[in-house]
Amino acid sequence: MPDTPVVVCTDKPDYRPALTCDDVQDLRLDAFQPRTAGEEPLLVLHNVHGALIRGCVAPSGTTAFLRLQAKSSAIAMVANDLRKARKRMECDLVTPDCDAVSPKRP
């Protein structure tokens, strides 16, 4: 099945996470580029096992690009531009040390 782009727009600024994925296996997210950011992470993965996140861009003002929850695992982040994010990622208490994500930041 060919990839289908999905575009999400809002009429007014919305500072909730731009995308939340819950109970997903083998997620592929390409070129995710929200236009605005607030205090919440842009992307929340809750109980996600196996993901490739690539080519994404964090807008100015991003607090955290990614939040991992509920023991999410096997998350690969490749070729993302997260320079404008204060934090690349954060984890809940049951996803210790963000070990789920590769490649690791030196």
PDB file of N, CA and C in Angstrom:
ATOM      1  N   MET A   1       0.849  -1.169   0.000  1.00  0.00           N
ATOM      2  CA  MET A   1       0.000   0.000   0.000  1.00  0.00           C
ATOM      3  C   MET A   1       0.901   1.240   0.000  1.00  0.00           C
ATOM      4  N   PRO A   2       0.662   2.203  -0.878  1.00  0.00           N
ATOM      5  CA  PRO A   2       1.497   3.409  -0.929  1.00  0.00           C
ATOM      6  C   PRO A   2       1.286   4.271   0.309  1.00  0.00           C
ATOM      7  N   ASP A   3       2.325   5.036   0.634  1.00  0.00           N
ATOM      8  CA  ASP A   3       2.225   5.966   1.766  1.00  0.00           C
ATOM      9  C   ASP A   3       1.259   7.083   1.419  1.00  0.00           C
ATOM     10  N   THR A   4       0.489   7.492   2.416  1.00  0.00           N
ATOM     11  CA  THR A   4      -0.463   8.572   2.230  1.00  0.00           C
ATOM     12  C   THR A   4      -0.134   9.690   3.193  1.00  0.00           C
ATOM     13  N   PRO A   5       0.181  10.897   2.706  1.00  0.00           N
ATOM     14  CA  PRO A   5       0.483  11.993   3.626  1.00  0.00           C
ATOM     15  C   PRO A   5      -0.774  12.432   4.377  1.00  0.00           C
ATOM     16  N   VAL A   6      -0.561  12.802   5.614  1.00  0.00           N
ATOM     17  CA  VAL A   6      -1.643  13.324   6.448  1.00  0.00           C
ATOM     18  C   VAL A   6      -1.243  14.718   6.900  1.00  0.00           C
ATOM     19  N   VAL A   7      -2.124  15.688   6.700  1.00  0.00           N
ATOM     20  CA  VAL A   7      -1.872  17.061   7.107  1.00  0.00           C
ATOM     21  C   VAL A   7      -2.906  17.439   8.154  1.00  0.00           C
ATOM     22  N   VAL A   8      -2.439  17.975   9.290  1.00  0.00           N
ATOM     23  CA  VAL A   8      -3.336  18.393  10.366  1.00  0.00           C
ATOM     24  C   VAL A   8      -3.194  19.896  10.536  1.00  0.00           C
ATOM     25  N   CYS A   9      -4.303  20.619  10.480  1.00  0.00           N
ATOM     26  CA  CYS A   9      -4.300  22.072  10.638  1.00  0.00           C
ATOM     27  C   CYS A   9      -5.323  22.458  11.698  1.00  0.00           C
ATOM     28  N   THR A  10      -5.081  23.573  12.372  1.00  0.00           N
ATOM     29  CA  THR A  10      -6.043  24.091  13.343  1.00  0.00           C
ATOM     30  C   THR A  10      -6.384  25.530  12.991  1.00  0.00           C
ATOM     31  N   ASP A  11      -7.605  25.941  13.337  1.00  0.00           N
ATOM     32  CA  ASP A  11      -8.025  27.315  13.085  1.00  0.00           C
ATOM     33  C   ASP A  11      -7.352  28.297  14.040  1.00  0.00           C
ATOM     34  N   LYS A  12      -7.117  27.828  15.278  1.00  0.00           N
ATOM     35  CA  LYS A  12      -6.501  28.661  16.315  1.00  0.00           C
ATOM     36  C   LYS A  12      -5.294  27.914  16.879  1.00  0.00           C
ATOM     37  N   PRO A  13      -4.348  28.612  17.484  1.00  0.00           N
ATOM     38  CA  PRO A  13      -3.225  27.919  18.109  1.00  0.00           C
ATOM     39  C   PRO A  13      -3.728  26.888  19.122  1.00  0.00           C
ATOM     40  N   ASP A  14      -3.121  25.718  19.098  1.00  0.00           N
ATOM     41  CA  ASP A  14      -3.489  24.628  19.994  1.00  0.00           C
ATOM     42  C   ASP A  14      -2.197  24.081  20.582  1.00  0.00           C
ATOM     43  N   TYR A  15      -2.038  24.184  21.876  1.00  0.00           N
ATOM     44  CA  TYR A  15      -0.756  23.864  22.489  1.00  0.00           C
ATOM     45  C   TYR A  15      -0.711  22.490  23.127  1.00  0.00           C
ATOM     46  N   ARG A  16      -1.703  21.648  22.814  1.00  0.00           N
ATOM     47  CA  ARG A  16      -1.634  20.242  23.213  1.00  0.00           C
ATOM     48  C   ARG A  16      -0.625  19.548  22.297  1.00  0.00           C
ATOM     49  N   PRO A  17      -0.254  18.286  22.609  1.00  0.00           N
ATOM     50  CA  PRO A  17       0.621  17.573  21.671  1.00  0.00           C
ATOM     51  C   PRO A  17       0.000  17.561  20.278  1.00  0.00           C
ATOM     52  N   ALA A  18       0.830  17.762  19.285  1.00  0.00           N
ATOM     53  CA  ALA A  18       0.332  17.778  17.908  1.00  0.00           C
ATOM     54  C   ALA A  18      -0.111  16.388  17.465  1.00  0.00           C
ATOM     55  N   LEU A  19       0.533  15.351  18.012  1.00  0.00           N
ATOM     56  CA  LEU A  19       0.197  13.990  17.635  1.00  0.00           C
ATOM     57  C   LEU A  19       0.435  13.068  18.823  1.00  0.00           C
ATOM     58  N   THR A  20      -0.554  12.235  19.136  1.00  0.00           N
ATOM     59  CA  THR A  20      -0.427  11.211  20.173  1.00  0.00           C
ATOM     60  C   THR A  20      -0.736   9.865  19.536  1.00  0.00           C
ATOM     61  N   CYS A  21       0.172   8.918  19.699  1.00  0.00           N
ATOM     62  CA  CYS A  21      -0.021   7.561  19.189  1.00  0.00           C
ATOM     63  C   CYS A  21      -0.125   6.632  20.386  1.00  0.00           C
ATOM     64  N   ASP A  22      -1.213   5.858  20.455  1.00  0.00           N
ATOM     65  CA  ASP A  22      -1.490   5.008  21.602  1.00  0.00           C
ATOM     66  C   ASP A  22      -1.692   3.564  21.143  1.00  0.00           C
ATOM     67  N   ASP A  23      -0.906   2.647  21.746  1.00  0.00           N
ATOM     68  CA  ASP A  23      -1.039   1.218  21.487  1.00  0.00           C
ATOM     69  C   ASP A  23      -0.821   0.898  20.004  1.00  0.00           C
ATOM     70  N   VAL A  24       0.388   1.246  19.519  1.00  0.00           N
ATOM     71  CA  VAL A  24       0.728   1.090  18.100  1.00  0.00           C
ATOM     72  C   VAL A  24       1.967   0.207  17.979  1.00  0.00           C
ATOM     73  N   GLN A  25       1.994  -0.611  16.933  1.00  0.00           N
ATOM     74  CA  GLN A  25       3.188  -1.380  16.599  1.00  0.00           C
ATOM     75  C   GLN A  25       3.657  -0.977  15.210  1.00  0.00           C
ATOM     76  N   ASP A  26       4.980  -0.841  15.068  1.00  0.00           N
ATOM     77  CA  ASP A  26       5.607  -0.544  13.779  1.00  0.00           C
ATOM     78  C   ASP A  26       5.108   0.753  13.147  1.00  0.00           C
ATOM     79  N   LEU A  27       5.180   1.808  13.915  1.00  0.00           N
ATOM     80  CA  LEU A  27       4.817   3.148  13.451  1.00  0.00           C
ATOM     81  C   LEU A  27       5.912   3.693  12.546  1.00  0.00           C
ATOM     82  N   ARG A  28       5.524   4.374  11.485  1.00  0.00           N
ATOM     83  CA  ARG A  28       6.481   5.097  10.642  1.00  0.00           C
ATOM     84  C   ARG A  28       5.971   6.518  10.500  1.00  0.00           C
ATOM     85  N   LEU A  29       6.810   7.470  10.934  1.00  0.00           N
ATOM     86  CA  LEU A  29       6.438   8.880  10.887  1.00  0.00           C
ATOM     87  C   LEU A  29       7.523   9.626  10.117  1.00  0.00           C
ATOM     88  N   ASP A  30       7.151  10.178   8.967  1.00  0.00           N
ATOM     89  CA  ASP A  30       8.093  10.882   8.099  1.00  0.00           C
ATOM     90  C   ASP A  30       7.670  12.334   7.947  1.00  0.00           C
ATOM     91  N   ALA A  31       8.627  13.243   8.048  1.00  0.00           N
ATOM     92  CA  ALA A  31       8.439  14.668   7.736  1.00  0.00           C
ATOM     93  C   ALA A  31       7.344  15.332   8.572  1.00  0.00           C
ATOM     94  N   PHE A  32       7.262  14.978   9.829  1.00  0.00           N
ATOM     95  CA  PHE A  32       6.323  15.592  10.773  1.00  0.00           C
ATOM     96  C   PHE A  32       6.844  16.990  11.105  1.00  0.00           C
ATOM     97  N   GLN A  33       6.068  18.041  10.755  1.00  0.00           N
ATOM     98  CA  GLN A  33       6.533  19.416  10.925  1.00  0.00           C
ATOM     99  C   GLN A  33       5.410  20.307  11.435  1.00  0.00           C
ATOM    100  N   PRO A  34       5.080  20.211  12.721  1.00  0.00           N
ATOM    101  CA  PRO A  34       4.056  21.113  13.257  1.00  0.00           C
ATOM    102  C   PRO A  34       4.505  22.562  13.113  1.00  0.00           C
ATOM    103  N   ARG A  35       3.561  23.453  12.937  1.00  0.00           N
ATOM    104  CA  ARG A  35       3.903  24.869  12.740  1.00  0.00           C
ATOM    105  C   ARG A  35       4.113  25.608  14.045  1.00  0.00           C
ATOM    106  N   THR A  36       3.446  25.153  15.127  1.00  0.00           N
ATOM    107  CA  THR A  36       3.585  25.823  16.415  1.00  0.00           C
ATOM    108  C   THR A  36       3.841  24.791  17.501  1.00  0.00           C
ATOM    109  N   ALA A  37       4.342  25.276  18.623  1.00  0.00           N
ATOM    110  CA  ALA A  37       4.618  24.411  19.767  1.00  0.00           C
ATOM    111  C   ALA A  37       4.231  25.132  21.039  1.00  0.00           C
ATOM    112  N   GLY A  38       3.911  24.360  22.054  1.00  0.00           N
ATOM    113  CA  GLY A  38       3.572  24.920  23.358  1.00  0.00           C
ATOM    114  C   GLY A  38       4.377  24.239  24.444  1.00  0.00           C
ATOM    115  N   GLU A  39       3.800  24.147  25.618  1.00  0.00           N
ATOM    116  CA  GLU A  39       4.501  23.548  26.752  1.00  0.00           C
ATOM    117  C   GLU A  39       4.506  22.021  26.703  1.00  0.00           C
ATOM    118  N   GLU A  40       3.587  21.413  25.987  1.00  0.00           N
ATOM    119  CA  GLU A  40       3.536  19.952  25.880  1.00  0.00           C
ATOM    120  C   GLU A  40       4.464  19.480  24.766  1.00  0.00           C
ATOM    121  N   PRO A  41       4.983  18.255  24.866  1.00  0.00           N
ATOM    122  CA  PRO A  41       5.778  17.719  23.758  1.00  0.00           C
ATOM    123  C   PRO A  41       4.951  17.678  22.477  1.00  0.00           C
ATOM    124  N   LEU A  42       5.620  17.760  21.342  1.00  0.00           N
ATOM    125  CA  LEU A  42       4.911  17.723  20.063  1.00  0.00           C
ATOM    126  C   LEU A  42       4.362  16.338  19.765  1.00  0.00           C
ATOM    127  N   LEU A  43       5.126  15.310  20.105  1.00  0.00           N
ATOM    128  CA  LEU A  43       4.770  13.936  19.779  1.00  0.00           C
ATOM    129  C   LEU A  43       4.774  13.104  21.053  1.00  0.00           C
ATOM    130  N   VAL A  44       3.678  12.396  21.320  1.00  0.00           N
ATOM    131  CA  VAL A  44       3.577  11.521  22.488  1.00  0.00           C
ATOM    132  C   VAL A  44       3.364  10.099  21.982  1.00  0.00           C
ATOM    133  N   LEU A  45       4.256   9.193  22.413  1.00  0.00           N
ATOM    134  CA  LEU A  45       4.117   7.775  22.086  1.00  0.00           C
ATOM    135  C   LEU A  45       3.777   7.039  23.370  1.00  0.00           C
ATOM    136  N   HIS A  46       2.592   6.450  23.422  1.00  0.00           N
ATOM    137  CA  HIS A  46       2.106   5.735  24.593  1.00  0.00           C
ATOM    138  C   HIS A  46       1.921   4.266  24.204  1.00  0.00           C
ATOM    139  N   ASN A  47       2.748   3.399  24.799  1.00  0.00           N
ATOM    140  CA  ASN A  47       2.681   1.965  24.503  1.00  0.00           C
ATOM    141  C   ASN A  47       2.898   1.701  23.008  1.00  0.00           C
ATOM    142  N   VAL A  48       3.937   2.321  22.467  1.00  0.00           N
ATOM    143  CA  VAL A  48       4.304   2.135  21.059  1.00  0.00           C
ATOM    144  C   VAL A  48       5.537   1.251  21.011  1.00  0.00           C
ATOM    145  N   HIS A  49       5.470   0.191  20.215  1.00  0.00           N
ATOM    146  CA  HIS A  49       6.577  -0.756  20.109  1.00  0.00           C
ATOM    147  C   HIS A  49       6.983  -0.884  18.649  1.00  0.00           C
ATOM    148  N   GLY A  50       8.170  -0.350  18.367  1.00  0.00           N
ATOM    149  CA  GLY A  50       8.681  -0.320  17.015  1.00  0.00           C
ATOM    150  C   GLY A  50       8.212   0.929  16.293  1.00  0.00           C
ATOM    151  N   ALA A  51       9.138   1.875  16.097  1.00  0.00           N
ATOM    152  CA  ALA A  51       8.791   3.110  15.382  1.00  0.00           C
ATOM    153  C   ALA A  51      10.025   3.649  14.678  1.00  0.00           C
ATOM    154  N   LEU A  52       9.804   4.206  13.507  1.00  0.00           N
ATOM    155  CA  LEU A  52      10.838   4.934  12.777  1.00  0.00           C
ATOM    156  C   LEU A  52      10.334   6.357  12.609  1.00  0.00           C
ATOM    157  N   ILE A  53      11.071   7.287  13.199  1.00  0.00           N
ATOM    158  CA  ILE A  53      10.711   8.705  13.150  1.00  0.00           C
ATOM    159  C   ILE A  53      11.840   9.411  12.408  1.00  0.00           C
ATOM    160  N   ARG A  54      11.529   9.942  11.229  1.00  0.00           N
ATOM    161  CA  ARG A  54      12.614  10.542  10.438  1.00  0.00           C
ATOM    162  C   ARG A  54      12.129  11.766   9.663  1.00  0.00           C
ATOM    163  N   GLY A  55      13.090  12.658   9.425  1.00  0.00           N
ATOM    164  CA  GLY A  55      12.821  13.843   8.629  1.00  0.00           C
ATOM    165  C   GLY A  55      11.881  14.840   9.279  1.00  0.00           C
ATOM    166  N   CYS A  56      11.783  14.823  10.596  1.00  0.00           N
ATOM    167  CA  CYS A  56      10.867  15.715  11.308  1.00  0.00           C
ATOM    168  C   CYS A  56      11.583  17.000  11.719  1.00  0.00           C
ATOM    169  N   VAL A  57      10.816  18.074  11.892  1.00  0.00           N
ATOM    170  CA  VAL A  57      11.375  19.375  12.251  1.00  0.00           C
ATOM    171  C   VAL A  57      10.597  19.944  13.428  1.00  0.00           C
ATOM    172  N   ALA A  58      11.323  20.346  14.464  1.00  0.00           N
ATOM    173  CA  ALA A  58      10.707  20.986  15.632  1.00  0.00           C
ATOM    174  C   ALA A  58      10.684  22.497  15.415  1.00  0.00           C
ATOM    175  N   PRO A  59       9.511  23.130  15.573  1.00  0.00           N
ATOM    176  CA  PRO A  59       9.447  24.582  15.411  1.00  0.00           C
ATOM    177  C   PRO A  59      10.025  25.309  16.622  1.00  0.00           C
ATOM    178  N   SER A  60      10.276  26.597  16.477  1.00  0.00           N
ATOM    179  CA  SER A  60      10.744  27.421  17.603  1.00  0.00           C
ATOM    180  C   SER A  60       9.754  27.318  18.748  1.00  0.00           C
ATOM    181  N   GLY A  61      10.285  27.303  19.968  1.00  0.00           N
ATOM    182  CA  GLY A  61       9.439  27.249  21.151  1.00  0.00           C
ATOM    183  C   GLY A  61       9.087  25.850  21.605  1.00  0.00           C
ATOM    184  N   THR A  62       9.604  24.825  20.928  1.00  0.00           N
ATOM    185  CA  THR A  62       9.311  23.449  21.317  1.00  0.00           C
ATOM    186  C   THR A  62       9.969  23.138  22.653  1.00  0.00           C
ATOM    187  N   THR A  63       9.165  22.729  23.627  1.00  0.00           N
ATOM    188  CA  THR A  63       9.697  22.330  24.931  1.00  0.00           C
ATOM    189  C   THR A  63      10.399  20.986  24.818  1.00  0.00           C
ATOM    190  N   ALA A  64       9.700  19.989  24.314  1.00  0.00           N
ATOM    191  CA  ALA A  64      10.266  18.665  24.053  1.00  0.00           C
ATOM    192  C   ALA A  64       9.639  18.155  22.767  1.00  0.00           C
ATOM    193  N   PHE A  65      10.443  17.522  21.943  1.00  0.00           N
ATOM    194  CA  PHE A  65       9.910  16.981  20.698  1.00  0.00           C
ATOM    195  C   PHE A  65       9.105  15.712  20.958  1.00  0.00           C
ATOM    196  N   LEU A  66       9.626  14.811  21.788  1.00  0.00           N
ATOM    197  CA  LEU A  66       9.045  13.484  21.960  1.00  0.00           C
ATOM    198  C   LEU A  66       8.892  13.146  23.433  1.00  0.00           C
ATOM    199  N   ARG A  67       7.746  12.575  23.799  1.00  0.00           N
ATOM    200  CA  ARG A  67       7.558  12.004  25.142  1.00  0.00           C
ATOM    201  C   ARG A  67       7.206  10.533  24.963  1.00  0.00           C
ATOM    202  N   LEU A  68       7.970   9.668  25.655  1.00  0.00           N
ATOM    203  CA  LEU A  68       7.698   8.236  25.641  1.00  0.00           C
ATOM    204  C   LEU A  68       6.961   7.867  26.907  1.00  0.00           C
ATOM    205  N   GLN A  69       5.899   7.062  26.754  1.00  0.00           N
ATOM    206  CA  GLN A  69       5.094   6.633  27.889  1.00  0.00           C
ATOM    207  C   GLN A  69       4.801   5.138  27.793  1.00  0.00           C
ATOM    208  N   ALA A  70       4.516   4.532  28.961  1.00  0.00           N
ATOM    209  CA  ALA A  70       4.008   3.159  29.052  1.00  0.00           C
ATOM    210  C   ALA A  70       4.940   2.135  28.411  1.00  0.00           C
ATOM    211  N   LYS A  71       6.221   2.230  28.722  1.00  0.00           N
ATOM    212  CA  LYS A  71       7.220   1.266  28.254  1.00  0.00           C
ATOM    213  C   LYS A  71       7.303   1.162  26.737  1.00  0.00           C
ATOM    214  N   SER A  72       7.138   2.266  26.048  1.00  0.00           N
ATOM    215  CA  SER A  72       7.348   2.265  24.597  1.00  0.00           C
ATOM    216  C   SER A  72       8.767   1.780  24.325  1.00  0.00           C
ATOM    217  N   SER A  73       8.961   1.065  23.220  1.00  0.00           N
ATOM    218  CA  SER A  73      10.266   0.470  22.963  1.00  0.00           C
ATOM    219  C   SER A  73      10.593   0.439  21.478  1.00  0.00           C
ATOM    220  N   ALA A  74      11.888   0.237  21.202  1.00  0.00           N
ATOM    221  CA  ALA A  74      12.405   0.091  19.831  1.00  0.00           C
ATOM    222  C   ALA A  74      12.009   1.272  18.942  1.00  0.00           C
ATOM    223  N   ILE A  75      12.354   2.470  19.415  1.00  0.00           N
ATOM    224  CA  ILE A  75      12.050   3.703  18.693  1.00  0.00           C
ATOM    225  C   ILE A  75      13.338   4.196  18.026  1.00  0.00           C
ATOM    226  N   ALA A  76      13.332   4.352  16.716  1.00  0.00           N
ATOM    227  CA  ALA A  76      14.501   4.854  15.984  1.00  0.00           C
ATOM    228  C   ALA A  76      14.201   6.259  15.483  1.00  0.00           C
ATOM    229  N   MET A  77      15.134   7.185  15.773  1.00  0.00           N
ATOM    230  CA  MET A  77      15.012   8.563  15.292  1.00  0.00           C
ATOM    231  C   MET A  77      16.193   8.849  14.372  1.00  0.00           C
ATOM    232  N   VAL A  78      15.879   9.234  13.128  1.00  0.00           N
ATOM    233  CA  VAL A  78      16.919   9.407  12.115  1.00  0.00           C
ATOM    234  C   VAL A  78      16.681  10.694  11.342  1.00  0.00           C
ATOM    235  N   ALA A  79      17.727  11.488  11.177  1.00  0.00           N
ATOM    236  CA  ALA A  79      17.728  12.670  10.305  1.00  0.00           C
ATOM    237  C   ALA A  79      16.615  13.663  10.632  1.00  0.00           C
ATOM    238  N   ASN A  80      16.415  13.931  11.910  1.00  0.00           N
ATOM    239  CA  ASN A  80      15.444  14.931  12.350  1.00  0.00           C
ATOM    240  C   ASN A  80      16.169  16.227  12.688  1.00  0.00           C
ATOM    241  N   ASP A  81      15.521  17.366  12.484  1.00  0.00           N
ATOM    242  CA  ASP A  81      16.089  18.660  12.851  1.00  0.00           C
ATOM    243  C   ASP A  81      15.394  19.130  14.129  1.00  0.00           C
ATOM    244  N   LEU A  82      16.024  18.850  15.255  1.00  0.00           N
ATOM    245  CA  LEU A  82      15.447  19.183  16.554  1.00  0.00           C
ATOM    246  C   LEU A  82      16.233  20.296  17.247  1.00  0.00           C
ATOM    247  N   ARG A  83      16.959  21.101  16.478  1.00  0.00           N
ATOM    248  CA  ARG A  83      17.787  22.167  17.052  1.00  0.00           C
ATOM    249  C   ARG A  83      16.972  23.210  17.802  1.00  0.00           C
ATOM    250  N   LYS A  84      15.730  23.435  17.417  1.00  0.00           N
ATOM    251  CA  LYS A  84      14.920  24.462  18.073  1.00  0.00           C
ATOM    252  C   LYS A  84      14.142  23.927  19.277  1.00  0.00           C
ATOM    253  N   ALA A  85      14.265  22.644  19.552  1.00  0.00           N
ATOM    254  CA  ALA A  85      13.611  22.051  20.722  1.00  0.00           C
ATOM    255  C   ALA A  85      14.531  22.177  21.936  1.00  0.00           C
ATOM    256  N   ARG A  86      13.971  22.561  23.079  1.00  0.00           N
ATOM    257  CA  ARG A  86      14.778  22.623  24.298  1.00  0.00           C
ATOM    258  C   ARG A  86      15.244  21.233  24.719  1.00  0.00           C
ATOM    259  N   LYS A  87      14.366  20.222  24.542  1.00  0.00           N
ATOM    260  CA  LYS A  87      14.728  18.836  24.836  1.00  0.00           C
ATOM    261  C   LYS A  87      14.331  17.972  23.654  1.00  0.00           C
ATOM    262  N   ARG A  88      15.175  17.034  23.343  1.00  0.00           N
ATOM    263  CA  ARG A  88      14.900  16.096  22.268  1.00  0.00           C
ATOM    264  C   ARG A  88      13.772  15.154  22.675  1.00  0.00           C
ATOM    265  N   MET A  89      13.828  14.654  23.938  1.00  0.00           N
ATOM    266  CA  MET A  89      12.791  13.747  24.407  1.00  0.00           C
ATOM    267  C   MET A  89      12.725  13.735  25.925  1.00  0.00           C
ATOM    268  N   GLU A  90      11.602  13.219  26.413  1.00  0.00           N
ATOM    269  CA  GLU A  90      11.430  12.986  27.833  1.00  0.00           C
ATOM    270  C   GLU A  90      10.677  11.670  27.995  1.00  0.00           C
ATOM    271  N   CYS A  91      10.814  11.058  29.165  1.00  0.00           N
ATOM    272  CA  CYS A  91      10.213   9.752  29.405  1.00  0.00           C
ATOM    273  C   CYS A  91       9.431   9.761  30.700  1.00  0.00           C
ATOM    274  N   ASP A  92       8.402   8.915  30.757  1.00  0.00           N
ATOM    275  CA  ASP A  92       7.672   8.761  32.006  1.00  0.00           C
ATOM    276  C   ASP A  92       8.457   7.819  32.924  1.00  0.00           C
ATOM    277  N   LEU A  93       7.943   7.561  34.100  1.00  0.00           N
ATOM    278  CA  LEU A  93       8.656   6.763  35.090  1.00  0.00           C
ATOM    279  C   LEU A  93       8.764   5.289  34.735  1.00  0.00           C
ATOM    280  N   VAL A  94       7.913   4.779  33.849  1.00  0.00           N
ATOM    281  CA  VAL A  94       8.001   3.373  33.481  1.00  0.00           C
ATOM    282  C   VAL A  94       8.781   3.141  32.192  1.00  0.00           C
ATOM    283  N   THR A  95       9.326   4.180  31.621  1.00  0.00           N
ATOM    284  CA  THR A  95      10.195   4.073  30.453  1.00  0.00           C
ATOM    285  C   THR A  95      11.550   4.658  30.864  1.00  0.00           C
ATOM    286  N   PRO A  96      12.300   3.931  31.699  1.00  0.00           N
ATOM    287  CA  PRO A  96      13.494   4.490  32.326  1.00  0.00           C
ATOM    288  C   PRO A  96      14.595   4.870  31.342  1.00  0.00           C
ATOM    289  N   ASP A  97      15.166   6.025  31.590  1.00  0.00           N
ATOM    290  CA  ASP A  97      16.364   6.500  30.880  1.00  0.00           C
ATOM    291  C   ASP A  97      16.219   6.604  29.372  1.00  0.00           C
ATOM    292  N   CYS A  98      15.021   6.561  28.869  1.00  0.00           N
ATOM    293  CA  CYS A  98      14.785   6.668  27.436  1.00  0.00           C
ATOM    294  C   CYS A  98      15.639   5.681  26.635  1.00  0.00           C
ATOM    295  N   ASP A  99      15.895   4.505  27.198  1.00  0.00           N
ATOM    296  CA  ASP A  99      16.684   3.497  26.499  1.00  0.00           C
ATOM    297  C   ASP A  99      16.002   2.975  25.256  1.00  0.00           C
ATOM    298  N   ALA A 100      14.732   3.305  25.081  1.00  0.00           N
ATOM    299  CA  ALA A 100      13.980   2.808  23.941  1.00  0.00           C
ATOM    300  C   ALA A 100      14.410   3.451  22.636  1.00  0.00           C
ATOM    301  N   VAL A 101      15.126   4.572  22.693  1.00  0.00           N
ATOM    302  CA  VAL A 101      15.405   5.358  21.487  1.00  0.00           C
ATOM    303  C   VAL A 101      16.827   5.153  20.997  1.00  0.00           C
ATOM    304  N   SER A 102      16.956   5.007  19.677  1.00  0.00           N
ATOM    305  CA  SER A 102      18.274   4.955  19.058  1.00  0.00           C
ATOM    306  C   SER A 102      18.221   5.833  17.797  1.00  0.00           C
ATOM    307  N   PRO A 103      19.291   6.386  17.297  1.00  0.00           N
ATOM    308  CA  PRO A 103      20.589   6.314  17.936  1.00  0.00           C
ATOM    309  C   PRO A 103      20.665   7.174  19.183  1.00  0.00           C
ATOM    310  N   LYS A 104      21.561   6.814  20.052  1.00  0.00           N
ATOM    311  CA  LYS A 104      21.747   7.544  21.304  1.00  0.00           C
ATOM    312  C   LYS A 104      22.507   8.836  21.032  1.00  0.00           C
ATOM    313  N   ARG A 105      22.193   9.858  21.786  1.00  0.00           N
ATOM    314  CA  ARG A 105      22.925  11.114  21.701  1.00  0.00           C
ATOM    315  C   ARG A 105      24.242  10.922  22.460  1.00  0.00           C
ATOM    316  N   PRO A 106      25.382  11.328  21.872  1.00  0.00           N
ATOM    317  CA  PRO A 106      26.678  11.143  22.566  1.00  0.00           C
ATOM    318  C   PRO A 106      26.756  11.926  23.868  1.00  0.00           C
TER     319      PRO A 106
END
